[in-house]
Amino acid sequence: MSLDEIAAVLRGCTESGDWRDVVAGRIGAIGTQLNQLHAARDYLAYLLSCPGDNPATDCPKLRHEVNQIALNPGSTAVIDAMSEHSAHRPEPSIGAHHDWHSPTYVQDWISADVTHREQRRPRLRWAASLLPLHDLQARVLDVGGGYGEFAGQLLAQFPHATVCVHDYSTAMLDHARANLSEFGPRVNFAQADLTDPGWTRSLDGPFDAVVSALTIHNLGGADAIPPVYAAICSLLKPGGWFLNLDLALNVLLAPADTPLTQLYARAQGPTADTSHHHDRHNHDPLPTAPGLEDHLGWLRDAGFEHVDCPHKHLSEMLLVARRPT
């Protein structure tokens, strides 16, 4: 407290004011300062999660903020970014740090992500080939479809199919529309937040198949993912398949000194290219993050049958499940 505030408290209630108002004002100021400190702490923790040697170039969000400061010297861009990051940080803390509502962030994210396109496309193509849709005028839903990579593989492999690309980010969907324009009316788009219990209302189900890639793990753990799996099961026609190419976070977020984490590090080797996992999916450390067995159990609890993981490579896993006929 300032000397004037201390003096006001010592004077007690007078005609000029009530000491309680002074204390309440100071409490409010402390609350603001605490919020700023918490935001700064969370922002620095996010910065520390960048795996690159130069976060100013390897982190799209920071790169955008540095550019803003360069364009507007003396601006409060970093302080504002700290507050924005703290306000939108998902709970629980498993969720990845992404600003999907920012067109600039999304553009930077895509620019970095497409550098791994040649490694990812064969996996998406193979996963799509598992669906029994070759002779069907099938309807497929791509959950968290982003800028349309998985949908593009589906539309190319199944010429009679239509695909609905869902995403939380309108900026991502704008890129998907541009990237998939060649497929015309065979592709449509839907925006919805998977954390909203009514997210399926924007979708015109049922679907012959549902797919997802590198999306659902961002929701968190046992509170958020099982309801989404149950909703996906309800969107499928009887006998329809769900394919989820995703990450097992129990290894990805485990402390570096655990035996399994060390084994994975040896498997990757000192020069392994793991950037398609880590620099695009920055998470807070969490030893209790969900793994393969958690996802398999949640899928069964959601009502799926024939639940399996036909392929797993280190932290990446392909989950398959069918709605009962």
Protein backbone atom coordinates (compact mmCIF):
# COMPACT_ATOMS: atom_id res chain seq x y z
CA MET A 1 0.00 0.00 0.00
CA SER A 2 1.09 3.56 -0.62
CA LEU A 3 1.67 6.00 2.26
CA ASP A 4 -1.56 7.82 1.37
CA GLU A 5 -3.50 4.54 1.48
CA ILE A 6 -1.97 3.61 4.84
CA ALA A 7 -2.84 7.05 6.19
CA ALA A 8 -6.43 6.68 5.01
CA VAL A 9 -6.76 3.35 6.81
CA LEU A 10 -5.28 4.80 10.00
CA ARG A 11 -7.75 7.71 9.90
CA GLY A 12 -10.68 5.32 9.75
CA CYS A 13 -14.04 6.48 8.48
CA THR A 14 -14.21 10.20 7.86
CA GLU A 15 -16.39 12.60 5.91
CA SER A 16 -13.89 12.43 3.07
CA GLY A 17 -14.05 8.67 2.69
CA ASP A 18 -14.32 5.16 4.07
CA TRP A 19 -11.08 3.25 4.73
CA ARG A 20 -12.80 0.09 3.47
CA ASP A 21 -13.02 1.58 -0.01
CA VAL A 22 -9.26 2.14 0.05
CA VAL A 23 -8.59 -1.47 1.03
CA ALA A 24 -11.07 -2.78 -1.55
CA GLY A 25 -9.35 -0.72 -4.23
CA ARG A 26 -5.98 -2.10 -3.23
CA ILE A 27 -7.35 -5.67 -3.30
CA GLY A 28 -8.63 -5.06 -6.82
CA ALA A 29 -5.25 -3.72 -7.91
CA ILE A 30 -3.51 -6.76 -6.43
CA GLY A 31 -5.90 -9.02 -8.31
CA THR A 32 -5.02 -7.29 -11.56
CA GLN A 33 -1.31 -7.65 -10.81
CA LEU A 34 -1.74 -11.34 -9.98
CA ASN A 35 -3.57 -11.94 -13.25
CA GLN A 36 -0.75 -10.25 -15.14
CA LEU A 37 1.87 -12.31 -13.29
CA HIS A 38 -0.02 -15.56 -13.93
CA ALA A 39 -0.37 -14.63 -17.59
CA ALA A 40 3.35 -13.86 -17.79
CA ARG A 41 4.22 -17.18 -16.10
CA ASP A 42 1.98 -19.18 -18.44
CA TYR A 43 3.30 -17.35 -21.48
CA LEU A 44 6.91 -18.01 -20.51
CA ALA A 45 6.08 -21.68 -19.85
CA TYR A 46 4.55 -21.83 -23.34
CA LEU A 47 7.69 -20.21 -24.77
CA LEU A 48 9.84 -22.76 -22.96
CA SER A 49 7.90 -25.58 -24.66
CA CYS A 50 9.20 -24.53 -28.09
CA PRO A 51 11.57 -27.33 -29.22
CA GLY A 52 13.42 -25.17 -31.73
CA ASP A 53 16.73 -23.42 -31.18
CA ASN A 54 15.27 -20.03 -32.07
CA PRO A 55 11.72 -19.47 -30.75
CA ALA A 56 11.47 -16.15 -32.57
CA THR A 57 11.48 -18.06 -35.88
CA ASP A 58 10.28 -21.55 -34.86
CA CYS A 59 7.17 -20.47 -32.92
CA PRO A 60 4.48 -18.95 -35.20
CA LYS A 61 2.76 -17.10 -32.35
CA LEU A 62 5.93 -15.47 -31.05
CA ARG A 63 7.09 -14.69 -34.57
CA HIS A 64 3.83 -12.83 -35.20
CA GLU A 65 4.22 -10.85 -31.97
CA VAL A 66 7.82 -9.94 -32.75
CA ASN A 67 6.70 -8.70 -36.15
CA GLN A 68 3.98 -6.63 -34.52
CA ILE A 69 6.50 -5.02 -32.15
CA ALA A 70 8.81 -4.28 -35.05
CA LEU A 71 5.97 -2.59 -36.90
CA ASN A 72 4.71 -0.75 -33.82
CA PRO A 73 7.62 0.19 -31.52
CA GLY A 74 6.52 0.72 -27.95
CA SER A 75 3.37 -1.34 -28.37
CA THR A 76 2.02 -3.66 -25.70
CA ALA A 77 1.80 -6.65 -28.06
CA VAL A 78 3.66 -9.09 -25.80
CA ILE A 79 1.73 -8.06 -22.67
CA ASP A 80 -1.54 -8.36 -24.59
CA ALA A 81 -0.46 -11.75 -25.94
CA MET A 82 0.33 -12.94 -22.42
CA SER A 83 -3.15 -12.01 -21.24
CA GLU A 84 -4.79 -13.54 -24.33
CA HIS A 85 -2.83 -16.77 -23.94
CA SER A 86 -3.76 -17.07 -20.26
CA ALA A 87 -7.42 -16.29 -20.90
CA HIS A 88 -7.72 -18.94 -23.64
CA ARG A 89 -5.49 -21.61 -22.13
CA PRO A 90 -7.56 -24.82 -22.12
CA GLU A 91 -8.27 -26.85 -19.02
CA PRO A 92 -7.08 -29.36 -18.14
CA SER A 93 -3.51 -28.45 -19.03
CA ILE A 94 -3.10 -31.34 -21.46
CA GLY A 95 -4.47 -29.19 -24.27
CA ALA A 96 -2.03 -27.82 -26.83
CA HIS A 97 -1.21 -24.12 -27.10
CA HIS A 98 -2.83 -23.02 -30.34
CA ASP A 99 -4.58 -19.80 -31.30
CA TRP A 100 -6.94 -21.21 -33.91
CA HIS A 101 -9.02 -18.03 -34.02
CA SER A 102 -6.13 -15.97 -35.36
CA PRO A 103 -5.88 -16.02 -39.19
CA THR A 104 -2.22 -15.00 -38.93
CA TYR A 105 -1.42 -17.82 -36.52
CA VAL A 106 -3.29 -20.34 -38.67
CA GLN A 107 -1.44 -19.20 -41.79
CA ASP A 108 1.92 -19.50 -40.02
CA TRP A 109 0.94 -22.90 -38.60
CA ILE A 110 -0.02 -24.23 -42.04
CA SER A 111 3.16 -22.81 -43.62
CA ALA A 112 5.23 -24.79 -41.13
CA ASP A 113 3.00 -27.88 -41.19
CA VAL A 114 3.08 -28.37 -44.97
CA THR A 115 6.82 -28.96 -44.76
CA HIS A 116 5.90 -32.38 -43.32
CA ARG A 117 3.26 -33.09 -45.95
CA GLU A 118 5.30 -35.69 -47.82
CA GLN A 119 5.87 -37.71 -44.62
CA ARG A 120 2.24 -37.46 -43.50
CA ARG A 121 0.36 -38.05 -46.75
CA PRO A 122 1.31 -41.75 -47.10
CA ARG A 123 -0.02 -42.39 -43.59
CA LEU A 124 -3.27 -40.60 -44.35
CA ARG A 125 -3.58 -42.40 -47.69
CA TRP A 126 -3.04 -45.79 -46.04
CA ALA A 127 -5.51 -45.02 -43.25
CA ALA A 128 -8.14 -43.98 -45.80
CA SER A 129 -7.60 -47.21 -47.74
CA LEU A 130 -8.85 -49.21 -44.75
CA LEU A 131 -12.38 -47.87 -45.18
CA PRO A 132 -14.74 -50.15 -47.20
CA LEU A 133 -16.13 -47.33 -49.33
CA HIS A 134 -14.89 -48.01 -52.86
CA ASP A 135 -18.23 -48.85 -54.42
CA LEU A 136 -20.40 -46.61 -52.27
CA GLN A 137 -21.75 -43.10 -52.64
CA ALA A 138 -20.57 -42.72 -49.09
CA ARG A 139 -20.79 -39.72 -46.78
CA VAL A 140 -17.69 -39.20 -44.63
CA LEU A 141 -17.11 -36.78 -41.76
CA ASP A 142 -13.58 -35.48 -41.08
CA VAL A 143 -13.49 -34.28 -37.46
CA GLY A 144 -10.99 -31.49 -36.93
CA GLY A 145 -10.18 -31.61 -40.62
CA GLY A 146 -8.03 -28.47 -40.58
CA TYR A 147 -6.95 -27.28 -44.01
CA GLY A 148 -8.17 -30.43 -45.76
CA GLU A 149 -5.26 -32.89 -45.96
CA PHE A 150 -7.16 -36.01 -44.85
CA ALA A 151 -10.28 -34.98 -46.76
CA GLY A 152 -8.22 -34.60 -49.93
CA GLN A 153 -6.97 -38.16 -49.62
CA LEU A 154 -10.50 -39.47 -49.04
CA LEU A 155 -11.98 -37.60 -51.99
CA ALA A 156 -9.19 -38.80 -54.28
CA GLN A 157 -9.47 -42.46 -53.25
CA PHE A 158 -13.26 -42.67 -53.24
CA PRO A 159 -14.57 -40.85 -56.33
CA HIS A 160 -18.21 -41.46 -55.41
CA ALA A 161 -17.89 -40.20 -51.84
CA THR A 162 -18.67 -36.81 -50.32
CA VAL A 163 -16.80 -35.43 -47.32
CA CYS A 164 -17.87 -32.97 -44.65
CA VAL A 165 -14.84 -31.17 -43.23
CA HIS A 166 -15.44 -30.10 -39.64
CA ASP A 167 -13.18 -27.79 -37.69
CA TYR A 168 -13.23 -25.44 -34.71
CA SER A 169 -11.36 -22.73 -36.61
CA THR A 170 -13.08 -20.65 -39.27
CA ALA A 171 -9.64 -19.63 -40.53
CA MET A 172 -8.72 -23.30 -41.05
CA LEU A 173 -11.97 -23.92 -42.88
CA ASP A 174 -11.25 -21.00 -45.20
CA HIS A 175 -7.97 -22.69 -46.17
CA ALA A 176 -9.77 -26.03 -46.57
CA ARG A 177 -12.29 -24.48 -48.96
CA ALA A 178 -9.47 -23.16 -51.12
CA ASN A 179 -7.44 -26.37 -51.01
CA LEU A 180 -10.41 -28.62 -51.84
CA SER A 181 -12.15 -26.39 -54.39
CA GLU A 182 -11.37 -28.85 -57.21
CA PHE A 183 -13.82 -31.35 -55.68
CA GLY A 184 -16.76 -28.97 -56.01
CA PRO A 185 -20.03 -30.16 -54.42
CA ARG A 186 -18.42 -33.38 -53.17
CA VAL A 187 -17.09 -31.47 -50.14
CA ASN A 188 -18.87 -29.29 -47.60
CA PHE A 189 -17.83 -27.64 -44.35
CA ALA A 190 -19.04 -27.27 -40.77
CA GLN A 191 -17.72 -25.19 -37.88
CA ALA A 192 -18.26 -26.40 -34.31
CA ASP A 193 -16.43 -26.56 -30.99
CA LEU A 194 -15.89 -30.16 -29.83
CA THR A 195 -16.08 -29.00 -26.21
CA ASP A 196 -19.66 -27.83 -26.80
CA PRO A 197 -22.04 -30.71 -25.93
CA GLY A 198 -24.20 -29.70 -28.89
CA TRP A 199 -21.41 -29.66 -31.48
CA THR A 200 -23.08 -32.33 -33.62
CA ARG A 201 -26.10 -30.11 -34.32
CA SER A 202 -24.18 -28.38 -37.11
CA LEU A 203 -23.66 -31.70 -38.90
CA ASP A 204 -26.05 -33.45 -41.24
CA GLY A 205 -25.60 -37.05 -40.12
CA PRO A 206 -25.58 -39.96 -40.18
CA PHE A 207 -22.32 -40.78 -41.96
CA ASP A 208 -20.94 -43.97 -43.47
CA ALA A 209 -17.56 -43.27 -41.87
CA VAL A 210 -15.90 -40.73 -39.58
CA VAL A 211 -12.20 -39.95 -39.58
CA SER A 212 -9.93 -37.67 -37.59
CA ALA A 213 -6.21 -36.93 -37.59
CA LEU A 214 -4.11 -35.27 -34.90
CA THR A 215 -7.08 -33.47 -33.37
CA ILE A 216 -8.84 -35.24 -30.52
CA HIS A 217 -5.77 -35.48 -28.28
CA ASN A 218 -5.89 -31.67 -28.01
CA LEU A 219 -9.12 -31.89 -26.00
CA GLY A 220 -7.42 -33.22 -22.89
CA GLY A 221 -8.27 -36.38 -21.02
CA ALA A 222 -11.05 -38.33 -19.36
CA ASP A 223 -13.43 -35.39 -18.98
CA ALA A 224 -13.38 -34.23 -22.60
CA ILE A 225 -12.53 -37.09 -24.98
CA PRO A 226 -15.11 -39.78 -24.03
CA PRO A 227 -18.13 -37.51 -24.78
CA VAL A 228 -16.67 -36.75 -28.21
CA TYR A 229 -16.21 -40.46 -28.92
CA ALA A 230 -19.82 -41.09 -27.88
CA ALA A 231 -21.04 -38.29 -30.13
CA ILE A 232 -19.04 -39.67 -33.07
CA CYS A 233 -20.58 -43.11 -32.53
CA SER A 234 -24.04 -41.53 -32.66
CA LEU A 235 -23.17 -39.81 -35.96
CA LEU A 236 -22.32 -43.09 -37.69
CA LYS A 237 -24.68 -45.34 -39.55
CA PRO A 238 -24.89 -48.87 -38.11
CA GLY A 239 -21.78 -50.71 -39.26
CA GLY A 240 -19.90 -47.47 -39.96
CA TRP A 241 -16.22 -47.17 -39.11
CA PHE A 242 -14.38 -44.51 -37.12
CA LEU A 243 -10.65 -44.02 -37.83
CA ASN A 244 -8.59 -41.80 -35.55
CA LEU A 245 -4.92 -41.15 -36.39
CA ASP A 246 -3.70 -39.45 -33.25
CA LEU A 247 -1.04 -39.15 -30.54
CA ALA A 248 -0.53 -41.14 -27.35
CA LEU A 249 0.24 -38.31 -24.96
CA ASN A 250 1.29 -40.54 -22.06
CA VAL A 251 4.66 -40.96 -23.78
CA LEU A 252 4.79 -37.59 -25.52
CA LEU A 253 4.27 -35.70 -22.26
CA ALA A 254 6.02 -38.06 -19.86
CA PRO A 255 9.04 -36.77 -17.92
CA ALA A 256 12.25 -37.23 -19.87
CA ASP A 257 13.77 -39.55 -17.25
CA THR A 258 11.13 -42.31 -17.42
CA PRO A 259 12.30 -45.67 -18.85
CA LEU A 260 9.68 -45.67 -21.61
CA THR A 261 10.49 -42.11 -22.68
CA GLN A 262 14.16 -43.00 -22.84
CA LEU A 263 13.36 -46.11 -24.89
CA TYR A 264 11.38 -43.99 -27.36
CA ALA A 265 14.25 -41.53 -27.58
CA ARG A 266 16.61 -44.38 -28.46
CA ALA A 267 14.14 -45.65 -31.06
CA GLN A 268 13.97 -42.25 -32.71
CA GLY A 269 17.73 -41.91 -32.76
CA PRO A 270 19.80 -38.75 -32.36
CA THR A 271 18.92 -37.40 -35.81
CA ALA A 272 15.29 -38.50 -36.06
CA ASP A 273 12.84 -36.03 -37.54
CA THR A 274 10.13 -35.78 -34.87
CA SER A 275 9.11 -32.25 -35.75
CA HIS A 276 5.79 -33.38 -37.22
CA HIS A 277 4.83 -34.31 -33.65
CA HIS A 278 6.54 -31.91 -31.33
CA ASP A 279 6.85 -28.52 -32.94
CA ARG A 280 3.23 -28.58 -34.10
CA HIS A 281 1.84 -29.98 -30.84
CA ASN A 282 3.31 -28.13 -27.88
CA HIS A 283 1.85 -29.33 -24.58
CA ASP A 284 2.37 -28.82 -20.90
CA PRO A 285 4.26 -31.71 -19.19
CA LEU A 286 1.76 -34.09 -17.63
CA PRO A 287 2.80 -37.56 -16.42
CA THR A 288 -0.85 -38.75 -16.26
CA ALA A 289 -1.73 -37.86 -19.86
CA PRO A 290 -3.90 -40.45 -21.69
CA GLY A 291 -2.34 -43.22 -23.72
CA LEU A 292 -3.38 -45.99 -26.07
CA GLU A 293 -5.20 -48.09 -23.47
CA ASP A 294 -7.21 -45.09 -22.30
CA HIS A 295 -8.43 -44.37 -25.84
CA LEU A 296 -9.33 -48.01 -26.49
CA GLY A 297 -11.33 -48.12 -23.28
CA TRP A 298 -13.14 -44.87 -24.02
CA LEU A 299 -14.09 -46.10 -27.49
CA ARG A 300 -15.57 -49.29 -26.05
CA ASP A 301 -17.44 -47.33 -23.39
CA ALA A 302 -18.82 -45.06 -26.13
CA GLY A 303 -20.59 -48.07 -27.68
CA PHE A 304 -18.14 -49.06 -30.40
CA GLU A 305 -17.25 -52.65 -31.29
CA HIS A 306 -14.18 -54.11 -33.01
CA VAL A 307 -12.04 -51.50 -31.26
CA ASP A 308 -8.37 -51.89 -32.11
CA CYS A 309 -5.07 -50.19 -32.88
CA PRO A 310 -3.87 -51.79 -36.14
CA HIS A 311 -0.81 -49.56 -36.29
CA LYS A 312 1.29 -47.70 -33.75
CA HIS A 313 4.64 -46.04 -34.27
CA LEU A 314 6.09 -44.56 -31.11
CA SER A 315 3.61 -41.88 -29.99
CA GLU A 316 1.49 -42.00 -33.17
CA MET A 317 -1.41 -44.45 -33.18
CA LEU A 318 -4.21 -45.39 -35.56
CA LEU A 319 -7.39 -46.27 -33.69
CA VAL A 320 -10.26 -48.04 -35.42
CA ALA A 321 -13.76 -48.74 -34.11
CA ARG A 322 -17.10 -49.71 -35.65
CA ARG A 323 -20.62 -48.82 -34.64
CA PRO A 324 -22.60 -52.04 -34.07
CA THR A 325 -25.08 -53.03 -36.77
